[in-house]
Amino acid sequence: MGRARMKGGDVVRQITHVHKDNNDVITQCYSSGAWQAVSTIVTAIDRGFDSYFTEVNGRRADVITVPGVNGKYLRSTPDGTNINNLDYLPTA
C-alpha cells in the first residue's frame, strides 16, 4: 500500500460537504465557499499550497492524499476511529 502524505500549506481549509458520482465516489468537495474538484485539492495538498481538514461529530481530522488504482484520492487521517470522515460529510 502506498504512503499517505500531507504537506502543510499556508492556508488551512475545512471541507464541509462532498459531491459523489453514481458510484459513490467523491468528485468534488465544498470548502471556503466554493466547490472544488478532488483533483484540484490533491494538487493543492501535494504541492504544499493548502491544507484541508474535516470535522465530523466534533472530531477534527486532516485530509491527505493517498495513491489509488485510478490515481490519487482524498481521505482523512485517523481521529480515534477507522472511518474516512469525508464519507460522512453531507452530500449535495
Foldseek 3Di string as FASTA:
>chain_A
DDDWDFAAAPAEWEFAEFAADPVRATQWTDIPHDIDGQVVVQVCGVVRHHWYWYADPNFIWTKIWDQDPVGIGIFTDDRPDPDGVNSVHHYD
